[in-house]
Amino acid sequence: MGALLSRRTDERWIVMTRRWTLAAWTFLGSASCSVRTGRTSDRLGGYFAWDPVENAALMPWLAATAFLHS
């Protein structure tokens, strides 16, 4: 949506947003893994528990994964 609103759909826009998306994807992925492992997962109900916060963080990570692979 940002590319369409700014009317910048050239390759330079894709390269610039890919860098920022890769940084955000890395931090979000490492934060999600650190919450799901170790002593923290015991307090939160385990790895496969239905935690709305963890699931809300998973959706942007999946969207960023799809963007980085496209």
PDB file of N, CA and C in Angstrom:
ATOM      1  N   MET A   1       0.823  -1.179   0.000  1.00  0.00           N
ATOM      2  CA  MET A   1       0.000   0.000   0.000  1.00  0.00           C
ATOM      3  C   MET A   1       0.872   1.249   0.000  1.00  0.00           C
ATOM      4  N   GLY A   2       2.000   1.164   0.717  1.00  0.00           N
ATOM      5  CA  GLY A   2       2.892   2.322   0.754  1.00  0.00           C
ATOM      6  C   GLY A   2       3.462   2.641  -0.612  1.00  0.00           C
ATOM      7  N   ALA A   3       3.793   1.609  -1.392  1.00  0.00           N
ATOM      8  CA  ALA A   3       4.322   1.821  -2.730  1.00  0.00           C
ATOM      9  C   ALA A   3       3.263   2.430  -3.643  1.00  0.00           C
ATOM     10  N   LEU A   4       2.034   1.967  -3.515  1.00  0.00           N
ATOM     11  CA  LEU A   4       0.968   2.505  -4.359  1.00  0.00           C
ATOM     12  C   LEU A   4       0.632   3.942  -3.989  1.00  0.00           C
ATOM     13  N   LEU A   5       0.603   4.241  -2.695  1.00  0.00           N
ATOM     14  CA  LEU A   5       0.286   5.597  -2.271  1.00  0.00           C
ATOM     15  C   LEU A   5       1.376   6.594  -2.645  1.00  0.00           C
ATOM     16  N   SER A   6       2.634   6.156  -2.583  1.00  0.00           N
ATOM     17  CA  SER A   6       3.726   7.062  -2.938  1.00  0.00           C
ATOM     18  C   SER A   6       4.058   7.018  -4.431  1.00  0.00           C
ATOM     19  N   ARG A   7       3.382   6.132  -5.161  1.00  0.00           N
ATOM     20  CA  ARG A   7       3.594   5.956  -6.614  1.00  0.00           C
ATOM     21  C   ARG A   7       5.046   5.616  -6.941  1.00  0.00           C
ATOM     22  N   ARG A   8       5.645   4.809  -6.065  1.00  0.00           N
ATOM     23  CA  ARG A   8       7.018   4.352  -6.276  1.00  0.00           C
ATOM     24  C   ARG A   8       7.006   2.835  -6.351  1.00  0.00           C
ATOM     25  N   THR A   9       6.860   2.310  -7.526  1.00  0.00           N
ATOM     26  CA  THR A   9       6.823   0.861  -7.694  1.00  0.00           C
ATOM     27  C   THR A   9       8.069   0.354  -8.426  1.00  0.00           C
ATOM     28  N   ASP A  10       9.121   1.152  -8.425  1.00  0.00           N
ATOM     29  CA  ASP A  10      10.334   0.733  -9.101  1.00  0.00           C
ATOM     30  C   ASP A  10      11.126  -0.234  -8.213  1.00  0.00           C
ATOM     31  N   GLU A  11      12.214  -0.731  -8.744  1.00  0.00           N
ATOM     32  CA  GLU A  11      13.015  -1.715  -8.016  1.00  0.00           C
ATOM     33  C   GLU A  11      13.719  -1.102  -6.814  1.00  0.00           C
ATOM     34  N   ARG A  12      13.998   0.176  -6.855  1.00  0.00           N
ATOM     35  CA  ARG A  12      14.656   0.828  -5.720  1.00  0.00           C
ATOM     36  C   ARG A  12      13.775   0.764  -4.473  1.00  0.00           C
ATOM     37  N   TRP A  13      12.471   0.919  -4.647  1.00  0.00           N
ATOM     38  CA  TRP A  13      11.536   0.833  -3.530  1.00  0.00           C
ATOM     39  C   TRP A  13      11.536  -0.580  -2.929  1.00  0.00           C
ATOM     40  N   ILE A  14      11.571  -1.586  -3.782  1.00  0.00           N
ATOM     41  CA  ILE A  14      11.575  -2.971  -3.312  1.00  0.00           C
ATOM     42  C   ILE A  14      12.848  -3.267  -2.529  1.00  0.00           C
ATOM     43  N   VAL A  15      13.984  -2.809  -3.017  1.00  0.00           N
ATOM     44  CA  VAL A  15      15.259  -3.042  -2.328  1.00  0.00           C
ATOM     45  C   VAL A  15      15.261  -2.354  -0.971  1.00  0.00           C
ATOM     46  N   MET A  16      14.752  -1.121  -0.912  1.00  0.00           N
ATOM     47  CA  MET A  16      14.746  -0.375   0.339  1.00  0.00           C
ATOM     48  C   MET A  16      13.811  -1.028   1.365  1.00  0.00           C
ATOM     49  N   THR A  17      12.620  -1.420   0.958  1.00  0.00           N
ATOM     50  CA  THR A  17      11.694  -2.034   1.910  1.00  0.00           C
ATOM     51  C   THR A  17      12.127  -3.443   2.290  1.00  0.00           C
ATOM     52  N   ARG A  18      12.831  -4.118   1.413  1.00  0.00           N
ATOM     53  CA  ARG A  18      13.307  -5.465   1.733  1.00  0.00           C
ATOM     54  C   ARG A  18      14.322  -5.429   2.867  1.00  0.00           C
ATOM     55  N   ARG A  19      15.193  -4.435   2.881  1.00  0.00           N
ATOM     56  CA  ARG A  19      16.174  -4.319   3.964  1.00  0.00           C
ATOM     57  C   ARG A  19      15.492  -4.133   5.311  1.00  0.00           C
ATOM     58  N   TRP A  20      14.523  -3.233   5.360  1.00  0.00           N
ATOM     59  CA  TRP A  20      13.818  -2.974   6.611  1.00  0.00           C
ATOM     60  C   TRP A  20      12.969  -4.170   7.020  1.00  0.00           C
ATOM     61  N   THR A  21      12.366  -4.831   6.056  1.00  0.00           N
ATOM     62  CA  THR A  21      11.558  -6.007   6.365  1.00  0.00           C
ATOM     63  C   THR A  21      12.429  -7.138   6.888  1.00  0.00           C
ATOM     64  N   LEU A  22      13.610  -7.299   6.332  1.00  0.00           N
ATOM     65  CA  LEU A  22      14.524  -8.343   6.798  1.00  0.00           C
ATOM     66  C   LEU A  22      14.968  -8.078   8.236  1.00  0.00           C
ATOM     67  N   ALA A  23      15.215  -6.823   8.566  1.00  0.00           N
ATOM     68  CA  ALA A  23      15.592  -6.481   9.945  1.00  0.00           C
ATOM     69  C   ALA A  23      14.429  -6.749  10.897  1.00  0.00           C
ATOM     70  N   ALA A  24      13.235  -6.309  10.533  1.00  0.00           N
ATOM     71  CA  ALA A  24      12.067  -6.527  11.381  1.00  0.00           C
ATOM     72  C   ALA A  24      11.749  -8.017  11.507  1.00  0.00           C
ATOM     73  N   TRP A  25      11.882  -8.759  10.427  1.00  0.00           N
ATOM     74  CA  TRP A  25      11.624 -10.193  10.426  1.00  0.00           C
ATOM     75  C   TRP A  25      12.595 -10.919  11.355  1.00  0.00           C
ATOM     76  N   THR A  26      13.859 -10.497  11.328  1.00  0.00           N
ATOM     77  CA  THR A  26      14.869 -11.113  12.187  1.00  0.00           C
ATOM     78  C   THR A  26      14.573 -10.875  13.657  1.00  0.00           C
ATOM     79  N   PHE A  27      14.279  -9.631  14.018  1.00  0.00           N
ATOM     80  CA  PHE A  27      14.003  -9.325  15.417  1.00  0.00           C
ATOM     81  C   PHE A  27      12.711  -9.984  15.897  1.00  0.00           C
ATOM     82  N   LEU A  28      11.682  -9.984  15.076  1.00  0.00           N
ATOM     83  CA  LEU A  28      10.422 -10.595  15.466  1.00  0.00           C
ATOM     84  C   LEU A  28      10.564 -12.105  15.592  1.00  0.00           C
ATOM     85  N   GLY A  29      11.320 -12.707  14.681  1.00  0.00           N
ATOM     86  CA  GLY A  29      11.547 -14.151  14.754  1.00  0.00           C
ATOM     87  C   GLY A  29      12.358 -14.548  15.971  1.00  0.00           C
ATOM     88  N   SER A  30      13.403 -13.785  16.279  1.00  0.00           N
ATOM     89  CA  SER A  30      14.215 -14.120  17.452  1.00  0.00           C
ATOM     90  C   SER A  30      13.437 -13.881  18.745  1.00  0.00           C
ATOM     91  N   ALA A  31      12.606 -12.848  18.782  1.00  0.00           N
ATOM     92  CA  ALA A  31      11.784 -12.608  19.978  1.00  0.00           C
ATOM     93  C   ALA A  31      10.753 -13.714  20.156  1.00  0.00           C
ATOM     94  N   SER A  32      10.156 -14.164  19.072  1.00  0.00           N
ATOM     95  CA  SER A  32       9.173 -15.239  19.162  1.00  0.00           C
ATOM     96  C   SER A  32       9.824 -16.539  19.626  1.00  0.00           C
ATOM     97  N   CYS A  33      11.002 -16.820  19.134  1.00  0.00           N
ATOM     98  CA  CYS A  33      11.701 -18.042  19.552  1.00  0.00           C
ATOM     99  C   CYS A  33      12.141 -17.959  21.003  1.00  0.00           C
ATOM    100  N   SER A  34      12.551 -16.792  21.462  1.00  0.00           N
ATOM    101  CA  SER A  34      13.001 -16.679  22.841  1.00  0.00           C
ATOM    102  C   SER A  34      11.839 -16.789  23.819  1.00  0.00           C
ATOM    103  N   VAL A  35      10.658 -16.360  23.416  1.00  0.00           N
ATOM    104  CA  VAL A  35       9.484 -16.488  24.283  1.00  0.00           C
ATOM    105  C   VAL A  35       9.031 -17.931  24.341  1.00  0.00           C
ATOM    106  N   ARG A  36       9.164 -18.646  23.248  1.00  0.00           N
ATOM    107  CA  ARG A  36       8.650 -20.012  23.182  1.00  0.00           C
ATOM    108  C   ARG A  36       9.620 -21.051  23.726  1.00  0.00           C
ATOM    109  N   THR A  37      10.807 -20.680  24.120  1.00  0.00           N
ATOM    110  CA  THR A  37      11.776 -21.642  24.625  1.00  0.00           C
ATOM    111  C   THR A  37      12.178 -21.276  26.039  1.00  0.00           C
ATOM    112  N   GLY A  38      12.810 -22.188  26.687  1.00  0.00           N
ATOM    113  CA  GLY A  38      13.357 -21.904  28.008  1.00  0.00           C
ATOM    114  C   GLY A  38      12.309 -21.875  29.104  1.00  0.00           C
ATOM    115  N   ARG A  39      12.636 -21.195  30.182  1.00  0.00           N
ATOM    116  CA  ARG A  39      11.750 -21.140  31.345  1.00  0.00           C
ATOM    117  C   ARG A  39      10.497 -20.330  31.072  1.00  0.00           C
ATOM    118  N   THR A  40      10.555 -19.434  30.111  1.00  0.00           N
ATOM    119  CA  THR A  40       9.396 -18.589  29.826  1.00  0.00           C
ATOM    120  C   THR A  40       8.218 -19.420  29.334  1.00  0.00           C
ATOM    121  N   SER A  41       8.494 -20.450  28.539  1.00  0.00           N
ATOM    122  CA  SER A  41       7.393 -21.248  27.999  1.00  0.00           C
ATOM    123  C   SER A  41       6.671 -22.029  29.095  1.00  0.00           C
ATOM    124  N   ASP A  42       7.360 -22.346  30.200  1.00  0.00           N
ATOM    125  CA  ASP A  42       6.688 -23.032  31.304  1.00  0.00           C
ATOM    126  C   ASP A  42       5.640 -22.134  31.939  1.00  0.00           C
ATOM    127  N   ARG A  43       5.955 -20.864  32.072  1.00  0.00           N
ATOM    128  CA  ARG A  43       5.003 -19.936  32.676  1.00  0.00           C
ATOM    129  C   ARG A  43       3.869 -19.585  31.734  1.00  0.00           C
ATOM    130  N   LEU A  44       4.114 -19.621  30.442  1.00  0.00           N
ATOM    131  CA  LEU A  44       3.090 -19.235  29.477  1.00  0.00           C
ATOM    132  C   LEU A  44       2.229 -20.409  29.024  1.00  0.00           C
ATOM    133  N   GLY A  45       2.462 -21.578  29.551  1.00  0.00           N
ATOM    134  CA  GLY A  45       1.608 -22.707  29.213  1.00  0.00           C
ATOM    135  C   GLY A  45       2.212 -23.651  28.196  1.00  0.00           C
ATOM    136  N   GLY A  46       3.459 -23.498  27.855  1.00  0.00           N
ATOM    137  CA  GLY A  46       4.095 -24.421  26.931  1.00  0.00           C
ATOM    138  C   GLY A  46       4.130 -23.900  25.508  1.00  0.00           C
ATOM    139  N   TYR A  47       4.774 -24.663  24.664  1.00  0.00           N
ATOM    140  CA  TYR A  47       5.006 -24.239  23.290  1.00  0.00           C
ATOM    141  C   TYR A  47       3.717 -24.179  22.482  1.00  0.00           C
ATOM    142  N   PHE A  48       2.831 -25.139  22.656  1.00  0.00           N
ATOM    143  CA  PHE A  48       1.653 -25.224  21.811  1.00  0.00           C
ATOM    144  C   PHE A  48       0.406 -24.611  22.443  1.00  0.00           C
ATOM    145  N   ALA A  49       0.569 -23.810  23.467  1.00  0.00           N
ATOM    146  CA  ALA A  49      -0.583 -23.190  24.116  1.00  0.00           C
ATOM    147  C   ALA A  49      -1.172 -22.098  23.213  1.00  0.00           C
ATOM    148  N   TRP A  50      -2.457 -21.847  23.377  1.00  0.00           N
ATOM    149  CA  TRP A  50      -3.137 -20.822  22.592  1.00  0.00           C
ATOM    150  C   TRP A  50      -2.985 -19.496  23.310  1.00  0.00           C
ATOM    151  N   ASP A  51      -1.952 -18.756  22.968  1.00  0.00           N
ATOM    152  CA  ASP A  51      -1.691 -17.456  23.570  1.00  0.00           C
ATOM    153  C   ASP A  51      -1.981 -16.394  22.513  1.00  0.00           C
ATOM    154  N   PRO A  52      -2.939 -15.524  22.729  1.00  0.00           N
ATOM    155  CA  PRO A  52      -3.300 -14.528  21.714  1.00  0.00           C
ATOM    156  C   PRO A  52      -2.153 -13.595  21.348  1.00  0.00           C
ATOM    157  N   VAL A  53      -1.289 -13.281  22.302  1.00  0.00           N
ATOM    158  CA  VAL A  53      -0.172 -12.377  21.996  1.00  0.00           C
ATOM    159  C   VAL A  53       0.812 -13.047  21.056  1.00  0.00           C
ATOM    160  N   GLU A  54       1.137 -14.302  21.326  1.00  0.00           N
ATOM    161  CA  GLU A  54       2.065 -15.012  20.443  1.00  0.00           C
ATOM    162  C   GLU A  54       1.465 -15.208  19.053  1.00  0.00           C
ATOM    163  N   ASN A  55       0.174 -15.500  18.991  1.00  0.00           N
ATOM    164  CA  ASN A  55      -0.462 -15.700  17.693  1.00  0.00           C
ATOM    165  C   ASN A  55      -0.597 -14.386  16.925  1.00  0.00           C
ATOM    166  N   ALA A  56      -0.793 -13.283  17.623  1.00  0.00           N
ATOM    167  CA  ALA A  56      -0.848 -11.982  16.957  1.00  0.00           C
ATOM    168  C   ALA A  56       0.512 -11.587  16.424  1.00  0.00           C
ATOM    169  N   ALA A  57       1.572 -12.019  17.056  1.00  0.00           N
ATOM    170  CA  ALA A  57       2.922 -11.741  16.566  1.00  0.00           C
ATOM    171  C   ALA A  57       3.295 -12.669  15.413  1.00  0.00           C
ATOM    172  N   LEU A  58       2.639 -13.816  15.332  1.00  0.00           N
ATOM    173  CA  LEU A  58       2.949 -14.770  14.264  1.00  0.00           C
ATOM    174  C   LEU A  58       2.462 -14.289  12.898  1.00  0.00           C
ATOM    175  N   MET A  59       1.335 -13.616  12.849  1.00  0.00           N
ATOM    176  CA  MET A  59       0.767 -13.183  11.568  1.00  0.00           C
ATOM    177  C   MET A  59       1.670 -12.197  10.818  1.00  0.00           C
ATOM    178  N   PRO A  60       2.200 -11.140  11.445  1.00  0.00           N
ATOM    179  CA  PRO A  60       3.120 -10.258  10.714  1.00  0.00           C
ATOM    180  C   PRO A  60       4.397 -10.978  10.303  1.00  0.00           C
ATOM    181  N   TRP A  61       4.836 -11.933  11.133  1.00  0.00           N
ATOM    182  CA  TRP A  61       6.046 -12.685  10.788  1.00  0.00           C
ATOM    183  C   TRP A  61       5.798 -13.538   9.551  1.00  0.00           C
ATOM    184  N   LEU A  62       4.626 -14.150   9.463  1.00  0.00           N
ATOM    185  CA  LEU A  62       4.299 -14.928   8.268  1.00  0.00           C
ATOM    186  C   LEU A  62       4.153 -14.054   7.035  1.00  0.00           C
ATOM    187  N   ALA A  63       3.566 -12.870   7.186  1.00  0.00           N
ATOM    188  CA  ALA A  63       3.432 -11.962   6.051  1.00  0.00           C
ATOM    189  C   ALA A  63       4.808 -11.476   5.586  1.00  0.00           C
ATOM    190  N   ALA A  64       5.698 -11.183   6.532  1.00  0.00           N
ATOM    191  CA  ALA A  64       7.061 -10.766   6.159  1.00  0.00           C
ATOM    192  C   ALA A  64       7.819 -11.913   5.500  1.00  0.00           C
ATOM    193  N   THR A  65       7.588 -13.131   5.963  1.00  0.00           N
ATOM    194  CA  THR A  65       8.217 -14.298   5.336  1.00  0.00           C
ATOM    195  C   THR A  65       7.760 -14.438   3.882  1.00  0.00           C
ATOM    196  N   ALA A  66       6.477 -14.249   3.648  1.00  0.00           N
ATOM    197  CA  ALA A  66       5.956 -14.338   2.280  1.00  0.00           C
ATOM    198  C   ALA A  66       6.539 -13.223   1.408  1.00  0.00           C
ATOM    199  N   PHE A  67       6.669 -12.019   1.964  1.00  0.00           N
ATOM    200  CA  PHE A  67       7.245 -10.916   1.203  1.00  0.00           C
ATOM    201  C   PHE A  67       8.716 -11.175   0.864  1.00  0.00           C
ATOM    202  N   LEU A  68       9.463 -11.685   1.836  1.00  0.00           N
ATOM    203  CA  LEU A  68      10.889 -11.936   1.587  1.00  0.00           C
ATOM    204  C   LEU A  68      11.119 -13.070   0.591  1.00  0.00           C
ATOM    205  N   HIS A  69      10.186 -14.005   0.509  1.00  0.00           N
ATOM    206  CA  HIS A  69      10.332 -15.113  -0.437  1.00  0.00           C
ATOM    207  C   HIS A  69       9.741 -14.798  -1.806  1.00  0.00           C
ATOM    208  N   SER A  70       9.055 -13.669  -1.942  1.00  0.00           N
ATOM    209  CA  SER A  70       8.459 -13.359  -3.250  1.00  0.00           C
ATOM    210  C   SER A  70       9.424 -12.611  -4.141  1.00  0.00           C
TER     211      SER A  70
END
